[in-house]
Amino acid sequence: MSVGLEGIASNLANEDRALAYLKVEHNGQTYDWQLFIPQGVDLSAYIASKEAAIYADIDAKEAAWAALTPKTREIPDPFGGEPTVVDIEKSEIVRPDNPDYYAKRRAEYPAIGEQLDALWKGGDAAAAMTAKIAEVKAKYPKT
């Protein structure tokens, strides 16, 4: 088992982290994986700290793939005809989650100006903003 760095992308739109492209050797198979890297961390140490979680994620997705029956889905005909049955590729199930909860939350949070305005107003406005933020956090929990 090993996790090797294949490449890195930074300056992604609406993202303050870099995206590491990884080659993961696990249980005799090779996977292309991805991992967000926070700013200011040692790249090798961070990837090493995430190895066990990457292997667990792969194992869980392999199990989900193995349990999937049938491994097909129906695509409805937009004109009312017979649906088309297509195979579900393993790569649709056994793949990294991207974007992660962090990016999904950031995309749905109210704009910082709205948050500050609600805080400044206080009372019901602050309570409503707190509820909006709590709703987004509940929708995309930390994994």
N, C-alpha and C. Protein backbone atom coordinates (compact mmCIF):
# COMPACT_ATOMS: atom_id res chain seq x y z
N MET A 1 0.85 -1.17 0.00
CA MET A 1 0.00 0.00 0.00
C MET A 1 0.89 1.23 0.00
N SER A 2 0.51 2.19 -0.83
CA SER A 2 1.26 3.43 -0.86
C SER A 2 0.41 4.53 -1.47
N VAL A 3 0.74 5.75 -1.11
CA VAL A 3 0.10 6.93 -1.67
C VAL A 3 1.21 7.82 -2.20
N GLY A 4 1.18 8.09 -3.50
CA GLY A 4 2.20 8.93 -4.11
C GLY A 4 1.60 10.17 -4.74
N LEU A 5 2.32 11.26 -4.66
CA LEU A 5 1.88 12.52 -5.24
C LEU A 5 2.17 12.51 -6.74
N GLU A 6 1.14 12.78 -7.53
CA GLU A 6 1.28 12.84 -8.99
C GLU A 6 1.32 14.27 -9.49
N GLY A 7 0.66 15.17 -8.78
CA GLY A 7 0.62 16.57 -9.21
C GLY A 7 -0.12 17.40 -8.20
N ILE A 8 -0.08 18.71 -8.38
CA ILE A 8 -0.77 19.61 -7.47
C ILE A 8 -1.29 20.80 -8.25
N ALA A 9 -2.48 21.24 -7.89
CA ALA A 9 -3.09 22.41 -8.52
C ALA A 9 -3.40 23.42 -7.43
N SER A 10 -3.06 24.66 -7.69
CA SER A 10 -3.38 25.72 -6.73
C SER A 10 -4.07 26.86 -7.47
N ASN A 11 -4.46 27.86 -6.72
CA ASN A 11 -5.18 29.01 -7.29
C ASN A 11 -6.47 28.58 -7.98
N LEU A 12 -7.16 27.61 -7.37
CA LEU A 12 -8.43 27.16 -7.90
C LEU A 12 -9.51 28.19 -7.58
N ALA A 13 -10.51 28.31 -8.41
CA ALA A 13 -11.58 29.27 -8.19
C ALA A 13 -12.26 29.02 -6.85
N ASN A 14 -12.44 30.05 -6.08
CA ASN A 14 -13.13 29.99 -4.79
C ASN A 14 -12.52 28.96 -3.85
N GLU A 15 -11.25 28.75 -3.91
CA GLU A 15 -10.60 27.73 -3.06
C GLU A 15 -9.27 28.26 -2.57
N ASP A 16 -9.07 28.20 -1.25
CA ASP A 16 -7.79 28.67 -0.69
C ASP A 16 -6.84 27.51 -0.40
N ARG A 17 -7.24 26.30 -0.75
CA ARG A 17 -6.38 25.14 -0.57
C ARG A 17 -5.88 24.66 -1.93
N ALA A 18 -4.82 23.89 -1.92
CA ALA A 18 -4.33 23.27 -3.14
C ALA A 18 -4.98 21.90 -3.27
N LEU A 19 -5.06 21.40 -4.49
CA LEU A 19 -5.62 20.09 -4.75
C LEU A 19 -4.48 19.17 -5.18
N ALA A 20 -4.23 18.13 -4.38
CA ALA A 20 -3.18 17.17 -4.70
C ALA A 20 -3.79 15.99 -5.46
N TYR A 21 -3.14 15.63 -6.56
CA TYR A 21 -3.53 14.46 -7.34
C TYR A 21 -2.64 13.31 -6.90
N LEU A 22 -3.26 12.23 -6.47
CA LEU A 22 -2.53 11.12 -5.87
C LEU A 22 -2.69 9.83 -6.67
N LYS A 23 -1.69 9.00 -6.61
CA LYS A 23 -1.75 7.63 -7.14
C LYS A 23 -1.71 6.73 -5.92
N VAL A 24 -2.76 5.98 -5.69
CA VAL A 24 -2.89 5.15 -4.49
C VAL A 24 -2.83 3.68 -4.89
N GLU A 25 -1.88 2.97 -4.31
CA GLU A 25 -1.77 1.52 -4.47
C GLU A 25 -2.38 0.90 -3.22
N HIS A 26 -3.46 0.13 -3.40
CA HIS A 26 -4.17 -0.42 -2.24
C HIS A 26 -4.80 -1.75 -2.63
N ASN A 27 -4.52 -2.78 -1.86
CA ASN A 27 -5.07 -4.12 -2.09
C ASN A 27 -4.87 -4.59 -3.53
N GLY A 28 -3.68 -4.33 -4.06
CA GLY A 28 -3.34 -4.81 -5.39
C GLY A 28 -3.94 -4.02 -6.54
N GLN A 29 -4.58 -2.90 -6.25
CA GLN A 29 -5.17 -2.07 -7.29
C GLN A 29 -4.60 -0.66 -7.22
N THR A 30 -4.70 0.05 -8.32
CA THR A 30 -4.23 1.43 -8.39
C THR A 30 -5.43 2.35 -8.59
N TYR A 31 -5.47 3.40 -7.79
CA TYR A 31 -6.56 4.37 -7.84
C TYR A 31 -5.99 5.76 -8.06
N ASP A 32 -6.69 6.55 -8.87
CA ASP A 32 -6.40 7.98 -8.97
C ASP A 32 -7.27 8.66 -7.93
N TRP A 33 -6.63 9.39 -7.03
CA TRP A 33 -7.35 9.99 -5.90
C TRP A 33 -7.00 11.45 -5.82
N GLN A 34 -7.75 12.22 -5.03
CA GLN A 34 -7.48 13.64 -4.82
C GLN A 34 -7.62 13.97 -3.36
N LEU A 35 -6.92 15.02 -2.95
CA LEU A 35 -6.95 15.44 -1.56
C LEU A 35 -6.68 16.94 -1.51
N PHE A 36 -7.52 17.67 -0.79
CA PHE A 36 -7.26 19.10 -0.59
C PHE A 36 -6.17 19.27 0.45
N ILE A 37 -5.24 20.18 0.21
CA ILE A 37 -4.12 20.45 1.10
C ILE A 37 -4.26 21.87 1.63
N PRO A 38 -4.39 22.04 2.96
CA PRO A 38 -4.49 23.38 3.51
C PRO A 38 -3.19 24.16 3.30
N GLN A 39 -3.29 25.47 3.34
CA GLN A 39 -2.11 26.32 3.21
C GLN A 39 -1.21 26.15 4.43
N GLY A 40 0.09 26.25 4.19
CA GLY A 40 1.05 26.30 5.29
C GLY A 40 1.36 24.99 5.97
N VAL A 41 1.02 23.86 5.36
CA VAL A 41 1.34 22.57 5.97
C VAL A 41 2.45 21.90 5.18
N ASP A 42 3.15 20.99 5.82
CA ASP A 42 4.15 20.18 5.14
C ASP A 42 3.40 19.17 4.27
N LEU A 43 3.60 19.24 2.97
CA LEU A 43 2.84 18.43 2.01
C LEU A 43 2.97 16.94 2.29
N SER A 44 4.20 16.45 2.42
CA SER A 44 4.42 15.01 2.65
C SER A 44 3.79 14.55 3.95
N ALA A 45 3.98 15.33 5.01
CA ALA A 45 3.43 14.96 6.31
C ALA A 45 1.91 14.95 6.28
N TYR A 46 1.32 15.92 5.59
CA TYR A 46 -0.14 15.99 5.53
C TYR A 46 -0.70 14.79 4.78
N ILE A 47 -0.09 14.47 3.63
CA ILE A 47 -0.57 13.31 2.87
C ILE A 47 -0.42 12.03 3.70
N ALA A 48 0.72 11.89 4.38
CA ALA A 48 0.94 10.71 5.23
C ALA A 48 -0.11 10.62 6.33
N SER A 49 -0.51 11.77 6.88
CA SER A 49 -1.50 11.77 7.96
C SER A 49 -2.89 11.37 7.46
N LYS A 50 -3.12 11.45 6.16
CA LYS A 50 -4.43 11.13 5.59
C LYS A 50 -4.48 9.73 4.96
N GLU A 51 -3.34 9.01 4.94
CA GLU A 51 -3.30 7.70 4.28
C GLU A 51 -4.36 6.73 4.78
N ALA A 52 -4.47 6.57 6.09
CA ALA A 52 -5.44 5.62 6.64
C ALA A 52 -6.87 5.99 6.24
N ALA A 53 -7.17 7.29 6.24
CA ALA A 53 -8.51 7.73 5.85
C ALA A 53 -8.76 7.47 4.36
N ILE A 54 -7.74 7.64 3.53
CA ILE A 54 -7.88 7.37 2.10
C ILE A 54 -8.17 5.88 1.88
N TYR A 55 -7.40 5.01 2.55
CA TYR A 55 -7.63 3.56 2.41
C TYR A 55 -9.03 3.18 2.89
N ALA A 56 -9.46 3.75 4.01
CA ALA A 56 -10.80 3.46 4.54
C ALA A 56 -11.88 3.92 3.56
N ASP A 57 -11.69 5.09 2.95
CA ASP A 57 -12.63 5.62 1.98
C ASP A 57 -12.72 4.69 0.76
N ILE A 58 -11.56 4.25 0.28
CA ILE A 58 -11.54 3.32 -0.85
C ILE A 58 -12.24 2.01 -0.49
N ASP A 59 -11.94 1.47 0.69
CA ASP A 59 -12.57 0.21 1.11
C ASP A 59 -14.08 0.34 1.19
N ALA A 60 -14.57 1.47 1.75
CA ALA A 60 -16.01 1.68 1.86
C ALA A 60 -16.67 1.78 0.49
N LYS A 61 -16.01 2.46 -0.43
CA LYS A 61 -16.58 2.62 -1.77
C LYS A 61 -16.50 1.31 -2.57
N GLU A 62 -15.44 0.54 -2.36
CA GLU A 62 -15.36 -0.78 -2.99
C GLU A 62 -16.50 -1.67 -2.49
N ALA A 63 -16.79 -1.60 -1.19
CA ALA A 63 -17.89 -2.39 -0.62
C ALA A 63 -19.23 -1.93 -1.19
N ALA A 64 -19.41 -0.63 -1.34
CA ALA A 64 -20.65 -0.11 -1.92
C ALA A 64 -20.79 -0.58 -3.36
N TRP A 65 -19.68 -0.59 -4.11
CA TRP A 65 -19.71 -1.06 -5.49
C TRP A 65 -20.07 -2.55 -5.54
N ALA A 66 -19.45 -3.33 -4.67
CA ALA A 66 -19.72 -4.78 -4.65
C ALA A 66 -21.18 -5.07 -4.31
N ALA A 67 -21.79 -4.24 -3.44
CA ALA A 67 -23.16 -4.46 -3.01
C ALA A 67 -24.20 -3.92 -4.01
N LEU A 68 -23.77 -3.12 -4.96
CA LEU A 68 -24.69 -2.50 -5.91
C LEU A 68 -25.28 -3.56 -6.86
N THR A 69 -26.61 -3.71 -6.79
CA THR A 69 -27.31 -4.66 -7.65
C THR A 69 -28.62 -4.05 -8.08
N PRO A 70 -28.90 -3.92 -9.33
CA PRO A 70 -28.01 -4.22 -10.45
C PRO A 70 -27.03 -3.08 -10.65
N LYS A 71 -26.04 -3.31 -11.44
CA LYS A 71 -25.04 -2.28 -11.72
C LYS A 71 -25.41 -1.54 -13.01
N THR A 72 -26.70 -1.20 -13.08
CA THR A 72 -27.24 -0.46 -14.22
C THR A 72 -28.22 0.59 -13.70
N ARG A 73 -28.55 1.53 -14.58
CA ARG A 73 -29.58 2.52 -14.26
C ARG A 73 -30.36 2.82 -15.53
N GLU A 74 -31.57 3.27 -15.34
CA GLU A 74 -32.42 3.63 -16.47
C GLU A 74 -32.36 5.14 -16.70
N ILE A 75 -32.22 5.50 -17.96
CA ILE A 75 -32.25 6.91 -18.34
C ILE A 75 -33.56 7.13 -19.10
N PRO A 76 -34.44 7.97 -18.55
CA PRO A 76 -35.72 8.16 -19.22
C PRO A 76 -35.55 8.82 -20.59
N ASP A 77 -36.42 8.46 -21.51
CA ASP A 77 -36.44 9.08 -22.83
C ASP A 77 -37.20 10.40 -22.69
N PRO A 78 -36.60 11.52 -23.06
CA PRO A 78 -37.28 12.82 -22.89
C PRO A 78 -38.53 12.95 -23.78
N PHE A 79 -38.68 12.06 -24.75
CA PHE A 79 -39.82 12.13 -25.65
C PHE A 79 -40.88 11.08 -25.32
N GLY A 80 -40.75 10.44 -24.15
CA GLY A 80 -41.76 9.49 -23.69
C GLY A 80 -41.58 8.07 -24.17
N GLY A 81 -40.50 7.78 -24.86
CA GLY A 81 -40.26 6.42 -25.33
C GLY A 81 -39.72 5.54 -24.21
N GLU A 82 -39.24 4.40 -24.59
CA GLU A 82 -38.68 3.46 -23.62
C GLU A 82 -37.39 4.02 -23.01
N PRO A 83 -37.20 3.81 -21.72
CA PRO A 83 -35.94 4.26 -21.11
C PRO A 83 -34.76 3.43 -21.61
N THR A 84 -33.60 4.04 -21.56
CA THR A 84 -32.37 3.35 -21.96
C THR A 84 -31.69 2.84 -20.70
N VAL A 85 -31.26 1.57 -20.72
CA VAL A 85 -30.55 1.00 -19.58
C VAL A 85 -29.05 1.10 -19.86
N VAL A 86 -28.32 1.70 -18.94
CA VAL A 86 -26.88 1.86 -19.10
C VAL A 86 -26.16 1.27 -17.89
N ASP A 87 -24.93 0.83 -18.12
CA ASP A 87 -24.11 0.31 -17.03
C ASP A 87 -23.65 1.45 -16.14
N ILE A 88 -23.54 1.16 -14.85
CA ILE A 88 -22.91 2.09 -13.91
C ILE A 88 -21.45 1.67 -13.82
N GLU A 89 -20.58 2.56 -14.20
CA GLU A 89 -19.15 2.26 -14.17
C GLU A 89 -18.64 2.26 -12.73
N LYS A 90 -17.72 1.39 -12.43
CA LYS A 90 -17.13 1.32 -11.10
C LYS A 90 -16.54 2.67 -10.69
N SER A 91 -15.98 3.39 -11.65
CA SER A 91 -15.35 4.68 -11.35
C SER A 91 -16.37 5.74 -10.91
N GLU A 92 -17.66 5.50 -11.12
CA GLU A 92 -18.68 6.42 -10.62
C GLU A 92 -18.88 6.26 -9.12
N ILE A 93 -18.55 5.09 -8.60
CA ILE A 93 -18.75 4.79 -7.18
C ILE A 93 -17.43 4.89 -6.42
N VAL A 94 -16.39 4.27 -6.96
CA VAL A 94 -15.09 4.24 -6.28
C VAL A 94 -14.26 5.39 -6.82
N ARG A 95 -14.44 6.55 -6.20
CA ARG A 95 -13.74 7.77 -6.60
C ARG A 95 -13.69 8.72 -5.41
N PRO A 96 -12.78 9.67 -5.45
CA PRO A 96 -12.72 10.63 -4.34
C PRO A 96 -13.94 11.55 -4.35
N ASP A 97 -14.33 12.00 -3.18
CA ASP A 97 -15.41 12.97 -3.09
C ASP A 97 -14.83 14.34 -3.40
N ASN A 98 -15.39 14.99 -4.39
CA ASN A 98 -14.88 16.30 -4.76
C ASN A 98 -16.04 17.10 -5.31
N PRO A 99 -16.37 18.22 -4.80
CA PRO A 99 -15.70 18.85 -3.70
C PRO A 99 -16.10 18.25 -2.36
N ASP A 100 -15.30 18.49 -1.36
CA ASP A 100 -15.58 17.97 -0.03
C ASP A 100 -16.55 18.89 0.71
N TYR A 101 -16.90 18.52 1.93
CA TYR A 101 -17.88 19.29 2.69
C TYR A 101 -17.45 20.75 2.83
N TYR A 102 -16.15 20.99 2.95
CA TYR A 102 -15.61 22.34 3.15
C TYR A 102 -15.98 23.24 1.97
N ALA A 103 -15.75 22.74 0.77
CA ALA A 103 -16.06 23.52 -0.43
C ALA A 103 -17.56 23.67 -0.62
N LYS A 104 -18.33 22.60 -0.34
CA LYS A 104 -19.78 22.68 -0.48
C LYS A 104 -20.37 23.69 0.50
N ARG A 105 -19.86 23.69 1.74
CA ARG A 105 -20.35 24.67 2.71
C ARG A 105 -20.07 26.09 2.24
N ARG A 106 -18.84 26.32 1.82
CA ARG A 106 -18.43 27.67 1.42
C ARG A 106 -19.31 28.18 0.28
N ALA A 107 -19.70 27.29 -0.65
CA ALA A 107 -20.52 27.70 -1.78
C ALA A 107 -21.94 28.08 -1.36
N GLU A 108 -22.41 27.56 -0.24
CA GLU A 108 -23.80 27.84 0.18
C GLU A 108 -23.93 28.81 1.34
N TYR A 109 -22.83 29.14 2.00
CA TYR A 109 -22.91 30.13 3.07
C TYR A 109 -23.37 31.48 2.51
N PRO A 110 -24.14 32.22 3.30
CA PRO A 110 -24.47 33.58 2.86
C PRO A 110 -23.17 34.40 2.72
N ALA A 111 -23.20 35.39 1.85
CA ALA A 111 -22.03 36.24 1.63
C ALA A 111 -21.59 36.87 2.94
N ILE A 112 -20.30 37.09 3.07
CA ILE A 112 -19.76 37.63 4.33
C ILE A 112 -20.39 38.98 4.67
N GLY A 113 -20.70 39.78 3.66
CA GLY A 113 -21.36 41.06 3.90
C GLY A 113 -22.73 40.87 4.55
N GLU A 114 -23.47 39.86 4.09
CA GLU A 114 -24.77 39.57 4.69
C GLU A 114 -24.61 39.08 6.13
N GLN A 115 -23.60 38.27 6.36
CA GLN A 115 -23.36 37.76 7.71
C GLN A 115 -23.02 38.91 8.66
N LEU A 116 -22.14 39.80 8.22
CA LEU A 116 -21.75 40.93 9.07
C LEU A 116 -22.93 41.87 9.31
N ASP A 117 -23.75 42.08 8.29
CA ASP A 117 -24.92 42.93 8.43
C ASP A 117 -25.87 42.35 9.48
N ALA A 118 -26.10 41.05 9.43
CA ALA A 118 -26.98 40.40 10.40
C ALA A 118 -26.41 40.50 11.81
N LEU A 119 -25.10 40.33 11.92
CA LEU A 119 -24.45 40.46 13.22
C LEU A 119 -24.59 41.88 13.76
N TRP A 120 -24.41 42.87 12.90
CA TRP A 120 -24.51 44.27 13.31
C TRP A 120 -25.93 44.59 13.75
N LYS A 121 -26.94 44.07 13.01
CA LYS A 121 -28.33 44.34 13.35
C LYS A 121 -28.73 43.64 14.65
N GLY A 122 -28.17 42.43 14.87
CA GLY A 122 -28.49 41.68 16.08
C GLY A 122 -29.93 41.17 16.07
N GLY A 123 -30.37 40.73 17.23
CA GLY A 123 -31.75 40.28 17.40
C GLY A 123 -32.17 39.20 16.43
N ASP A 124 -33.36 39.43 15.80
CA ASP A 124 -33.92 38.44 14.88
C ASP A 124 -33.04 38.22 13.66
N ALA A 125 -32.39 39.28 13.17
CA ALA A 125 -31.52 39.15 11.98
C ALA A 125 -30.34 38.24 12.29
N ALA A 126 -29.73 38.41 13.45
CA ALA A 126 -28.59 37.57 13.84
C ALA A 126 -29.05 36.12 14.06
N ALA A 127 -30.21 35.95 14.67
CA ALA A 127 -30.73 34.60 14.91
C ALA A 127 -31.05 33.90 13.60
N ALA A 128 -31.62 34.63 12.63
CA ALA A 128 -31.93 34.05 11.34
C ALA A 128 -30.65 33.65 10.60
N MET A 129 -29.62 34.49 10.69
CA MET A 129 -28.36 34.17 10.03
C MET A 129 -27.71 32.96 10.68
N THR A 130 -27.76 32.88 12.00
CA THR A 130 -27.23 31.71 12.71
C THR A 130 -27.95 30.45 12.26
N ALA A 131 -29.25 30.54 12.08
CA ALA A 131 -30.03 29.39 11.61
C ALA A 131 -29.65 28.99 10.19
N LYS A 132 -29.41 29.98 9.30
CA LYS A 132 -29.00 29.68 7.92
C LYS A 132 -27.66 28.94 7.91
N ILE A 133 -26.73 29.43 8.70
CA ILE A 133 -25.40 28.81 8.74
C ILE A 133 -25.48 27.41 9.34
N ALA A 134 -26.28 27.24 10.39
CA ALA A 134 -26.46 25.91 10.99
C ALA A 134 -27.08 24.94 9.99
N GLU A 135 -27.99 25.43 9.15
CA GLU A 135 -28.64 24.58 8.13
C GLU A 135 -27.61 24.09 7.11
N VAL A 136 -26.71 24.97 6.68
CA VAL A 136 -25.67 24.57 5.72
C VAL A 136 -24.73 23.55 6.37
N LYS A 137 -24.35 23.79 7.63
CA LYS A 137 -23.46 22.85 8.33
C LYS A 137 -24.13 21.49 8.50
N ALA A 138 -25.43 21.48 8.76
CA ALA A 138 -26.13 20.20 8.90
C ALA A 138 -26.25 19.48 7.56
N LYS A 139 -26.39 20.24 6.49
CA LYS A 139 -26.52 19.66 5.15
C LYS A 139 -25.19 19.01 4.71
N TYR A 140 -24.07 19.63 5.09
CA TYR A 140 -22.73 19.13 4.72
C TYR A 140 -21.89 18.91 5.98
N PRO A 141 -22.14 17.84 6.72
CA PRO A 141 -21.40 17.61 7.96
C PRO A 141 -19.94 17.26 7.67
N LYS A 142 -19.09 17.51 8.66
CA LYS A 142 -17.69 17.11 8.55
C LYS A 142 -17.64 15.60 8.44
N THR A 143 -16.74 15.11 7.59
CA THR A 143 -16.64 13.66 7.42
C THR A 143 -15.56 13.11 8.33
